[in-house]
C-alpha atoms as a PDB file:
ATOM      1  CA  UNK A   1      -3.649   4.817  29.570  1.00  0.00           C
ATOM      2  CA  UNK A   2      -0.540   5.766  29.986  1.00  0.00           C
ATOM      3  CA  UNK A   3       1.262   8.618  31.652  1.00  0.00           C
ATOM      4  CA  UNK A   4       2.750  10.752  29.114  1.00  0.00           C
ATOM      5  CA  UNK A   5       4.894  13.780  30.788  1.00  0.00           C
ATOM      6  CA  UNK A   6       4.166  16.954  28.456  1.00  0.00           C
ATOM      7  CA  UNK A   7       8.031  18.436  27.165  1.00  0.00           C
ATOM      8  CA  UNK A   8       9.451  21.186  28.496  1.00  0.00           C
ATOM      9  CA  UNK A   9       8.343  24.875  27.155  1.00  0.00           C
ATOM     10  CA  UNK A  10      11.054  27.064  26.838  1.00  0.00           C
ATOM     11  CA  UNK A  11      10.498  30.285  28.736  1.00  0.00           C
ATOM     12  CA  UNK A  12      10.709  33.318  26.166  1.00  0.00           C
ATOM     13  CA  UNK A  13      14.184  34.791  26.022  1.00  0.00           C
ATOM     14  CA  UNK A  14      16.065  31.558  27.333  1.00  0.00           C
ATOM     15  CA  UNK A  15      18.329  30.276  25.098  1.00  0.00           C
ATOM     16  CA  UNK A  16      17.790  26.203  23.468  1.00  0.00           C
ATOM     17  CA  UNK A  17      21.019  25.112  25.821  1.00  0.00           C
ATOM     18  CA  UNK A  18      18.980  26.148  28.978  1.00  0.00           C
ATOM     19  CA  UNK A  19      15.861  24.562  27.650  1.00  0.00           C
ATOM     20  CA  UNK A  20      17.498  21.210  27.637  1.00  0.00           C
ATOM     21  CA  UNK A  21      18.408  21.097  31.232  1.00  0.00           C
ATOM     22  CA  UNK A  22      16.576  18.435  33.014  1.00  0.00           C
ATOM     23  CA  UNK A  23      13.291  20.095  34.879  1.00  0.00           C
ATOM     24  CA  UNK A  24      13.706  20.140  38.934  1.00  0.00           C
ATOM     25  CA  UNK A  25      10.653  18.769  40.348  1.00  0.00           C
ATOM     26  CA  UNK A  26       9.795  18.999  43.928  1.00  0.00           C
ATOM     27  CA  UNK A  27       7.597  16.367  45.654  1.00  0.00           C
ATOM     28  CA  UNK A  28       5.662  17.454  48.616  1.00  0.00           C
ATOM     29  CA  UNK A  29       5.405  15.724  52.317  1.00  0.00           C
ATOM     30  CA  UNK A  30       2.032  14.301  50.900  1.00  0.00           C
ATOM     31  CA  UNK A  31       3.535  13.215  47.325  1.00  0.00           C
ATOM     32  CA  UNK A  32       6.619  11.852  49.106  1.00  0.00           C
ATOM     33  CA  UNK A  33       4.362   9.642  51.173  1.00  0.00           C
ATOM     34  CA  UNK A  34       2.573   8.162  48.235  1.00  0.00           C
ATOM     35  CA  UNK A  35       5.366   7.170  46.288  1.00  0.00           C
ATOM     36  CA  UNK A  36       7.478   5.407  49.308  1.00  0.00           C
ATOM     37  CA  UNK A  37       4.417   4.769  51.839  1.00  0.00           C
ATOM     38  CA  UNK A  38       6.528   5.847  54.975  1.00  0.00           C
ATOM     39  CA  UNK A  39       4.794   7.725  57.428  1.00  0.00           C
ATOM     40  CA  UNK A  40       6.130  11.115  57.536  1.00  0.00           C
ATOM     41  CA  UNK A  41       7.465  10.375  60.987  1.00  0.00           C
ATOM     42  CA  UNK A  42       9.669   7.063  59.699  1.00  0.00           C
ATOM     43  CA  UNK A  43      10.653   9.419  56.793  1.00  0.00           C
ATOM     44  CA  UNK A  44      12.270  12.224  59.350  1.00  0.00           C
ATOM     45  CA  UNK A  45      13.701   9.014  61.197  1.00  0.00           C
ATOM     46  CA  UNK A  46      15.442   7.878  57.844  1.00  0.00           C
ATOM     47  CA  UNK A  47      16.318  10.962  57.309  1.00  0.00           C
ATOM     48  CA  UNK A  48      17.773  11.755  60.468  1.00  0.00           C
ATOM     49  CA  UNK A  49      20.011   8.521  60.263  1.00  0.00           C
ATOM     50  CA  UNK A  50      21.122   9.733  56.613  1.00  0.00           C
ATOM     51  CA  UNK A  51      19.285   6.880  54.936  1.00  0.00           C
ATOM     52  CA  UNK A  52      16.881   8.733  52.661  1.00  0.00           C
ATOM     53  CA  UNK A  53      17.241  11.727  50.407  1.00  0.00           C
ATOM     54  CA  UNK A  54      17.010  15.114  52.635  1.00  0.00           C
ATOM     55  CA  UNK A  55      14.830  17.742  52.072  1.00  0.00           C
ATOM     56  CA  UNK A  56      15.034  21.142  50.288  1.00  0.00           C
ATOM     57  CA  UNK A  57      13.943  24.089  52.618  1.00  0.00           C
ATOM     58  CA  UNK A  58      11.528  26.666  50.835  1.00  0.00           C
ATOM     59  CA  UNK A  59      10.721  28.783  53.556  1.00  0.00           C
ATOM     60  CA  UNK A  60      12.125  30.436  56.443  1.00  0.00           C
ATOM     61  CA  UNK A  61      11.449  29.213  60.420  1.00  0.00           C
ATOM     62  CA  UNK A  62      10.495  25.962  61.773  1.00  0.00           C
ATOM     63  CA  UNK A  63       7.340  25.603  59.696  1.00  0.00           C
ATOM     64  CA  UNK A  64       8.522  26.695  56.741  1.00  0.00           C
ATOM     65  CA  UNK A  65       7.440  24.722  53.252  1.00  0.00           C
ATOM     66  CA  UNK A  66      10.147  21.776  52.578  1.00  0.00           C
ATOM     67  CA  UNK A  67      10.006  19.544  49.542  1.00  0.00           C
ATOM     68  CA  UNK A  68      12.404  16.646  48.489  1.00  0.00           C
ATOM     69  CA  UNK A  69      14.036  16.020  44.900  1.00  0.00           C
ATOM     70  CA  UNK A  70      12.164  13.772  42.792  1.00  0.00           C
ATOM     71  CA  UNK A  71      15.115  12.683  41.078  1.00  0.00           C
ATOM     72  CA  UNK A  72      16.769  11.897  44.665  1.00  0.00           C
ATOM     73  CA  UNK A  73      13.760   9.828  45.968  1.00  0.00           C
ATOM     74  CA  UNK A  74      13.093   8.024  42.640  1.00  0.00           C
ATOM     75  CA  UNK A  75      17.283   7.024  42.875  1.00  0.00           C
ATOM     76  CA  UNK A  76      16.551   5.514  46.603  1.00  0.00           C
ATOM     77  CA  UNK A  77      13.565   3.690  45.026  1.00  0.00           C
ATOM     78  CA  UNK A  78      15.710   2.274  42.244  1.00  0.00           C
ATOM     79  CA  UNK A  79      18.280   1.414  44.959  1.00  0.00           C
ATOM     80  CA  UNK A  80      15.751  -0.891  46.937  1.00  0.00           C
ATOM     81  CA  UNK A  81      14.431  -2.127  43.733  1.00  0.00           C
ATOM     82  CA  UNK A  82      17.866  -3.372  42.688  1.00  0.00           C
ATOM     83  CA  UNK A  83      18.598  -4.905  46.037  1.00  0.00           C
ATOM     84  CA  UNK A  84      15.319  -6.849  46.334  1.00  0.00           C
ATOM     85  CA  UNK A  85      16.599  -8.019  43.046  1.00  0.00           C
ATOM     86  CA  UNK A  86      20.106  -9.110  43.960  1.00  0.00           C
ATOM     87  CA  UNK A  87      18.455 -10.753  46.922  1.00  0.00           C
ATOM     88  CA  UNK A  88      16.020 -12.963  44.523  1.00  0.00           C
ATOM     89  CA  UNK A  89      18.865 -13.627  42.268  1.00  0.00           C
ATOM     90  CA  UNK A  90      21.381 -15.167  45.367  1.00  0.00           C
ATOM     91  CA  UNK A  91      18.194 -17.150  46.786  1.00  0.00           C
ATOM     92  CA  UNK A  92      18.076 -19.396  43.483  1.00  0.00           C
END
């Protein structure tokens, strides 16, 4: 069974042009850890080193809610896959 995304519904009162913009999706820490298979601590180290997409703060204070842009995380993963494929191509 394939996972098919539902099309975006146009909110009432919004023009057709606005509905064509890509939907921004934020990943929770749990979703992020499932996607990249890293611990929260390792994700933080990569972020601090500038080697991972930065989180988006949604709340105030040190315990405020955070999320990561799915598009940035997917791009980060694509870069890793491309690097792996280039290495595999050079090894032959």
